[in-house]
Amino acid sequence: MTIKTLSVKCPICKKEVLMTKDSLFRPFCSKRCRDIDFGEWAKESYSVEGNSLETDAWSEDLE
């Protein structure tokens, strides 16, 4: 029986990363790549599309 292990490419450097408990920074290959990604979020270089709310209303109030 062959057991396959999922692997992904690091979102920062594209190095192959095995998705196992031994890969401490998965899906990143290293702490450095994880920190670079966090820095990009902190600088608001990344964004998630969605409805922008111009008020402090809760989403339930918009229905």
PDB file of N, CA and C in Angstrom:
ATOM      1  N   MET A   1       0.836  -1.179   0.000  1.00  0.00           N
ATOM      2  CA  MET A   1       0.000   0.000   0.000  1.00  0.00           C
ATOM      3  C   MET A   1       0.885   1.248   0.000  1.00  0.00           C
ATOM      4  N   THR A   2       0.543   2.181  -0.878  1.00  0.00           N
ATOM      5  CA  THR A   2       1.289   3.424  -0.968  1.00  0.00           C
ATOM      6  C   THR A   2       0.492   4.543  -0.317  1.00  0.00           C
ATOM      7  N   ILE A   3       1.150   5.284   0.565  1.00  0.00           N
ATOM      8  CA  ILE A   3       0.516   6.428   1.209  1.00  0.00           C
ATOM      9  C   ILE A   3       1.064   7.682   0.550  1.00  0.00           C
ATOM     10  N   LYS A   4       0.159   8.526   0.063  1.00  0.00           N
ATOM     11  CA  LYS A   4       0.575   9.763  -0.578  1.00  0.00           C
ATOM     12  C   LYS A   4       0.477  10.906   0.419  1.00  0.00           C
ATOM     13  N   THR A   5       1.431  11.811   0.367  1.00  0.00           N
ATOM     14  CA  THR A   5       1.435  12.993   1.227  1.00  0.00           C
ATOM     15  C   THR A   5       1.181  14.215   0.359  1.00  0.00           C
ATOM     16  N   LEU A   6       0.211  15.011   0.781  1.00  0.00           N
ATOM     17  CA  LEU A   6      -0.110  16.232   0.055  1.00  0.00           C
ATOM     18  C   LEU A   6       1.055  17.206   0.147  1.00  0.00           C
ATOM     19  N   SER A   7       1.374  17.814  -0.961  1.00  0.00           N
ATOM     20  CA  SER A   7       2.386  18.860  -0.950  1.00  0.00           C
ATOM     21  C   SER A   7       1.836  20.064  -1.707  1.00  0.00           C
ATOM     22  N   VAL A   8       2.271  21.233  -1.294  1.00  0.00           N
ATOM     23  CA  VAL A   8       1.865  22.488  -1.927  1.00  0.00           C
ATOM     24  C   VAL A   8       3.109  23.328  -2.147  1.00  0.00           C
ATOM     25  N   LYS A   9       2.969  24.351  -2.955  1.00  0.00           N
ATOM     26  CA  LYS A   9       4.083  25.287  -3.150  1.00  0.00           C
ATOM     27  C   LYS A   9       3.939  26.419  -2.151  1.00  0.00           C
ATOM     28  N   CYS A  10       5.031  26.804  -1.544  1.00  0.00           N
ATOM     29  CA  CYS A  10       5.054  27.933  -0.620  1.00  0.00           C
ATOM     30  C   CYS A  10       4.523  29.159  -1.360  1.00  0.00           C
ATOM     31  N   PRO A  11       3.546  29.870  -0.774  1.00  0.00           N
ATOM     32  CA  PRO A  11       2.982  31.034  -1.451  1.00  0.00           C
ATOM     33  C   PRO A  11       3.991  32.152  -1.722  1.00  0.00           C
ATOM     34  N   ILE A  12       5.092  32.176  -1.011  1.00  0.00           N
ATOM     35  CA  ILE A  12       6.078  33.247  -1.175  1.00  0.00           C
ATOM     36  C   ILE A  12       7.189  32.852  -2.144  1.00  0.00           C
ATOM     37  N   CYS A  13       7.896  31.757  -1.873  1.00  0.00           N
ATOM     38  CA  CYS A  13       9.065  31.403  -2.688  1.00  0.00           C
ATOM     39  C   CYS A  13       8.826  30.253  -3.659  1.00  0.00           C
ATOM     40  N   LYS A  14       7.657  29.632  -3.577  1.00  0.00           N
ATOM     41  CA  LYS A  14       7.249  28.536  -4.477  1.00  0.00           C
ATOM     42  C   LYS A  14       7.986  27.223  -4.241  1.00  0.00           C
ATOM     43  N   LYS A  15       8.718  27.107  -3.139  1.00  0.00           N
ATOM     44  CA  LYS A  15       9.385  25.853  -2.786  1.00  0.00           C
ATOM     45  C   LYS A  15       8.319  24.830  -2.385  1.00  0.00           C
ATOM     46  N   GLU A  16       8.530  23.564  -2.704  1.00  0.00           N
ATOM     47  CA  GLU A  16       7.593  22.496  -2.372  1.00  0.00           C
ATOM     48  C   GLU A  16       7.556  22.274  -0.855  1.00  0.00           C
ATOM     49  N   VAL A  17       6.353  22.199  -0.287  1.00  0.00           N
ATOM     50  CA  VAL A  17       6.179  22.005   1.160  1.00  0.00           C
ATOM     51  C   VAL A  17       5.274  20.804   1.380  1.00  0.00           C
ATOM     52  N   LEU A  18       5.748  19.840   2.151  1.00  0.00           N
ATOM     53  CA  LEU A  18       4.913  18.697   2.506  1.00  0.00           C
ATOM     54  C   LEU A  18       3.958  19.102   3.615  1.00  0.00           C
ATOM     55  N   MET A  19       2.697  18.739   3.479  1.00  0.00           N
ATOM     56  CA  MET A  19       1.697  19.092   4.477  1.00  0.00           C
ATOM     57  C   MET A  19       1.642  18.000   5.553  1.00  0.00           C
ATOM     58  N   THR A  20       2.680  17.994   6.370  1.00  0.00           N
ATOM     59  CA  THR A  20       2.770  17.035   7.470  1.00  0.00           C
ATOM     60  C   THR A  20       2.993  17.791   8.768  1.00  0.00           C
ATOM     61  N   LYS A  21       2.854  17.088   9.873  1.00  0.00           N
ATOM     62  CA  LYS A  21       3.065  17.732  11.174  1.00  0.00           C
ATOM     63  C   LYS A  21       4.517  18.181  11.358  1.00  0.00           C
ATOM     64  N   ASP A  22       5.424  17.621  10.570  1.00  0.00           N
ATOM     65  CA  ASP A  22       6.835  18.013  10.664  1.00  0.00           C
ATOM     66  C   ASP A  22       7.114  19.352   9.975  1.00  0.00           C
ATOM     67  N   SER A  23       6.202  19.787   9.112  1.00  0.00           N
ATOM     68  CA  SER A  23       6.351  21.078   8.424  1.00  0.00           C
ATOM     69  C   SER A  23       5.719  22.148   9.300  1.00  0.00           C
ATOM     70  N   LEU A  24       6.519  22.717  10.185  1.00  0.00           N
ATOM     71  CA  LEU A  24       6.009  23.603  11.229  1.00  0.00           C
ATOM     72  C   LEU A  24       5.351  24.872  10.709  1.00  0.00           C
ATOM     73  N   PHE A  25       5.736  25.340   9.537  1.00  0.00           N
ATOM     74  CA  PHE A  25       5.240  26.627   9.047  1.00  0.00           C
ATOM     75  C   PHE A  25       4.288  26.469   7.863  1.00  0.00           C
ATOM     76  N   ARG A  26       3.803  25.255   7.642  1.00  0.00           N
ATOM     77  CA  ARG A  26       2.935  25.004   6.486  1.00  0.00           C
ATOM     78  C   ARG A  26       1.767  25.969   6.440  1.00  0.00           C
ATOM     79  N   PRO A  27       1.373  26.469   5.323  1.00  0.00           N
ATOM     80  CA  PRO A  27       1.797  26.116   3.965  1.00  0.00           C
ATOM     81  C   PRO A  27       3.076  26.825   3.517  1.00  0.00           C
ATOM     82  N   PHE A  28       3.725  27.521   4.441  1.00  0.00           N
ATOM     83  CA  PHE A  28       4.982  28.184   4.110  1.00  0.00           C
ATOM     84  C   PHE A  28       6.140  27.230   4.360  1.00  0.00           C
ATOM     85  N   CYS A  29       7.245  27.451   3.668  1.00  0.00           N
ATOM     86  CA  CYS A  29       8.396  26.555   3.826  1.00  0.00           C
ATOM     87  C   CYS A  29       9.240  26.925   5.040  1.00  0.00           C
ATOM     88  N   SER A  30       9.109  28.161   5.518  1.00  0.00           N
ATOM     89  CA  SER A  30       9.968  28.609   6.613  1.00  0.00           C
ATOM     90  C   SER A  30       9.308  29.754   7.376  1.00  0.00           C
ATOM     91  N   LYS A  31       9.879  30.072   8.513  1.00  0.00           N
ATOM     92  CA  LYS A  31       9.406  31.205   9.311  1.00  0.00           C
ATOM     93  C   LYS A  31       9.580  32.497   8.522  1.00  0.00           C
ATOM     94  N   ARG A  32      10.656  32.596   7.777  1.00  0.00           N
ATOM     95  CA  ARG A  32      10.926  33.787   6.974  1.00  0.00           C
ATOM     96  C   ARG A  32       9.784  34.045   5.995  1.00  0.00           C
ATOM     97  N   CYS A  33       9.379  33.017   5.245  1.00  0.00           N
ATOM     98  CA  CYS A  33       8.290  33.182   4.280  1.00  0.00           C
ATOM     99  C   CYS A  33       6.975  33.484   4.986  1.00  0.00           C
ATOM    100  N   ARG A  34       6.739  32.859   6.122  1.00  0.00           N
ATOM    101  CA  ARG A  34       5.525  33.150   6.890  1.00  0.00           C
ATOM    102  C   ARG A  34       5.516  34.614   7.337  1.00  0.00           C
ATOM    103  N   ASP A  35       6.655  35.103   7.808  1.00  0.00           N
ATOM    104  CA  ASP A  35       6.749  36.487   8.268  1.00  0.00           C
ATOM    105  C   ASP A  35       6.607  37.489   7.115  1.00  0.00           C
ATOM    106  N   ILE A  36       7.141  37.149   5.957  1.00  0.00           N
ATOM    107  CA  ILE A  36       6.980  38.014   4.781  1.00  0.00           C
ATOM    108  C   ILE A  36       5.497  38.131   4.445  1.00  0.00           C
ATOM    109  N   ASP A  37       4.793  37.016   4.448  1.00  0.00           N
ATOM    110  CA  ASP A  37       3.361  37.020   4.147  1.00  0.00           C
ATOM    111  C   ASP A  37       2.586  37.844   5.170  1.00  0.00           C
ATOM    112  N   PHE A  38       2.906  37.668   6.446  1.00  0.00           N
ATOM    113  CA  PHE A  38       2.241  38.442   7.497  1.00  0.00           C
ATOM    114  C   PHE A  38       2.488  39.941   7.298  1.00  0.00           C
ATOM    115  N   GLY A  39       3.705  40.301   6.936  1.00  0.00           N
ATOM    116  CA  GLY A  39       4.037  41.697   6.688  1.00  0.00           C
ATOM    117  C   GLY A  39       3.228  42.288   5.543  1.00  0.00           C
ATOM    118  N   GLU A  40       2.992  41.495   4.508  1.00  0.00           N
ATOM    119  CA  GLU A  40       2.191  41.966   3.383  1.00  0.00           C
ATOM    120  C   GLU A  40       0.746  42.214   3.807  1.00  0.00           C
ATOM    121  N   TRP A  41       0.209  41.339   4.654  1.00  0.00           N
ATOM    122  CA  TRP A  41      -1.144  41.570   5.182  1.00  0.00           C
ATOM    123  C   TRP A  41      -1.157  42.817   6.053  1.00  0.00           C
ATOM    124  N   ALA A  42      -0.141  42.987   6.889  1.00  0.00           N
ATOM    125  CA  ALA A  42      -0.089  44.133   7.799  1.00  0.00           C
ATOM    126  C   ALA A  42       0.011  45.456   7.032  1.00  0.00           C
ATOM    127  N   LYS A  43       0.701  45.452   5.887  1.00  0.00           N
ATOM    128  CA  LYS A  43       0.815  46.652   5.056  1.00  0.00           C
ATOM    129  C   LYS A  43      -0.415  46.843   4.172  1.00  0.00           C
ATOM    130  N   GLU A  44      -1.354  45.915   4.285  1.00  0.00           N
ATOM    131  CA  GLU A  44      -2.578  45.914   3.478  1.00  0.00           C
ATOM    132  C   GLU A  44      -2.284  45.783   1.986  1.00  0.00           C
ATOM    133  N   SER A  45      -1.209  45.042   1.665  1.00  0.00           N
ATOM    134  CA  SER A  45      -0.898  44.749   0.264  1.00  0.00           C
ATOM    135  C   SER A  45      -1.874  43.728  -0.308  1.00  0.00           C
ATOM    136  N   TYR A  46      -2.419  42.895   0.557  1.00  0.00           N
ATOM    137  CA  TYR A  46      -3.416  41.906   0.164  1.00  0.00           C
ATOM    138  C   TYR A  46      -4.781  42.417   0.597  1.00  0.00           C
ATOM    139  N   SER A  47      -5.793  41.933  -0.082  1.00  0.00           N
ATOM    140  CA  SER A  47      -7.151  42.270   0.351  1.00  0.00           C
ATOM    141  C   SER A  47      -8.074  41.126  -0.015  1.00  0.00           C
ATOM    142  N   VAL A  48      -9.184  41.064   0.663  1.00  0.00           N
ATOM    143  CA  VAL A  48     -10.206  40.077   0.396  1.00  0.00           C
ATOM    144  C   VAL A  48     -11.406  40.837  -0.134  1.00  0.00           C
ATOM    145  N   GLU A  49     -11.892  40.439  -1.304  1.00  0.00           N
ATOM    146  CA  GLU A  49     -13.026  41.135  -1.889  1.00  0.00           C
ATOM    147  C   GLU A  49     -14.274  40.915  -1.049  1.00  0.00           C
ATOM    148  N   GLY A  50     -15.120  41.904  -1.047  1.00  0.00           N
ATOM    149  CA  GLY A  50     -16.381  41.807  -0.329  1.00  0.00           C
ATOM    150  C   GLY A  50     -17.084  43.141  -0.375  1.00  0.00           C
ATOM    151  N   ASN A  51     -18.227  43.189   0.233  1.00  0.00           N
ATOM    152  CA  ASN A  51     -18.978  44.437   0.296  1.00  0.00           C
ATOM    153  C   ASN A  51     -18.324  45.363   1.294  1.00  0.00           C
ATOM    154  N   SER A  52     -18.119  46.598   0.896  1.00  0.00           N
ATOM    155  CA  SER A  52     -17.558  47.558   1.843  1.00  0.00           C
ATOM    156  C   SER A  52     -18.712  48.222   2.581  1.00  0.00           C
ATOM    157  N   LEU A  53     -18.557  48.332   3.861  1.00  0.00           N
ATOM    158  CA  LEU A  53     -19.575  48.956   4.691  1.00  0.00           C
ATOM    159  C   LEU A  53     -19.099  50.344   5.066  1.00  0.00           C
ATOM    160  N   GLU A  54     -19.896  51.332   4.767  1.00  0.00           N
ATOM    161  CA  GLU A  54     -19.513  52.705   5.104  1.00  0.00           C
ATOM    162  C   GLU A  54     -19.985  53.100   6.490  1.00  0.00           C
ATOM    163  N   THR A  55     -20.733  52.218   7.138  1.00  0.00           N
ATOM    164  CA  THR A  55     -21.209  52.491   8.488  1.00  0.00           C
ATOM    165  C   THR A  55     -20.713  51.397   9.407  1.00  0.00           C
ATOM    166  N   ASP A  56     -21.002  51.531  10.660  1.00  0.00           N
ATOM    167  CA  ASP A  56     -20.625  50.503  11.628  1.00  0.00           C
ATOM    168  C   ASP A  56     -21.740  49.483  11.819  1.00  0.00           C
ATOM    169  N   ALA A  57     -22.654  49.381  10.864  1.00  0.00           N
ATOM    170  CA  ALA A  57     -23.793  48.462  10.980  1.00  0.00           C
ATOM    171  C   ALA A  57     -23.321  47.019  10.891  1.00  0.00           C
ATOM    172  N   TRP A  58     -24.016  46.144  11.591  1.00  0.00           N
ATOM    173  CA  TRP A  58     -23.763  44.713  11.495  1.00  0.00           C
ATOM    174  C   TRP A  58     -24.377  44.207  10.211  1.00  0.00           C
ATOM    175  N   SER A  59     -23.861  43.123   9.680  1.00  0.00           N
ATOM    176  CA  SER A  59     -24.385  42.593   8.420  1.00  0.00           C
ATOM    177  C   SER A  59     -25.850  42.189   8.543  1.00  0.00           C
ATOM    178  N   GLU A  60     -26.303  41.762   9.715  1.00  0.00           N
ATOM    179  CA  GLU A  60     -27.713  41.411   9.906  1.00  0.00           C
ATOM    180  C   GLU A  60     -28.617  42.629   9.744  1.00  0.00           C
ATOM    181  N   ASP A  61     -28.103  43.821  10.051  1.00  0.00           N
ATOM    182  CA  ASP A  61     -28.896  45.035   9.941  1.00  0.00           C
ATOM    183  C   ASP A  61     -29.104  45.452   8.492  1.00  0.00           C
ATOM    184  N   LEU A  62     -28.321  44.897   7.570  1.00  0.00           N
ATOM    185  CA  LEU A  62     -28.390  45.302   6.172  1.00  0.00           C
ATOM    186  C   LEU A  62     -29.458  44.549   5.401  1.00  0.00           C
ATOM    187  N   GLU A  63     -30.011  43.503   5.969  1.00  0.00           N
ATOM    188  CA  GLU A  63     -30.991  42.685   5.251  1.00  0.00           C
ATOM    189  C   GLU A  63     -32.325  43.360   5.146  1.00  0.00           C
TER     190      GLU A  63
END
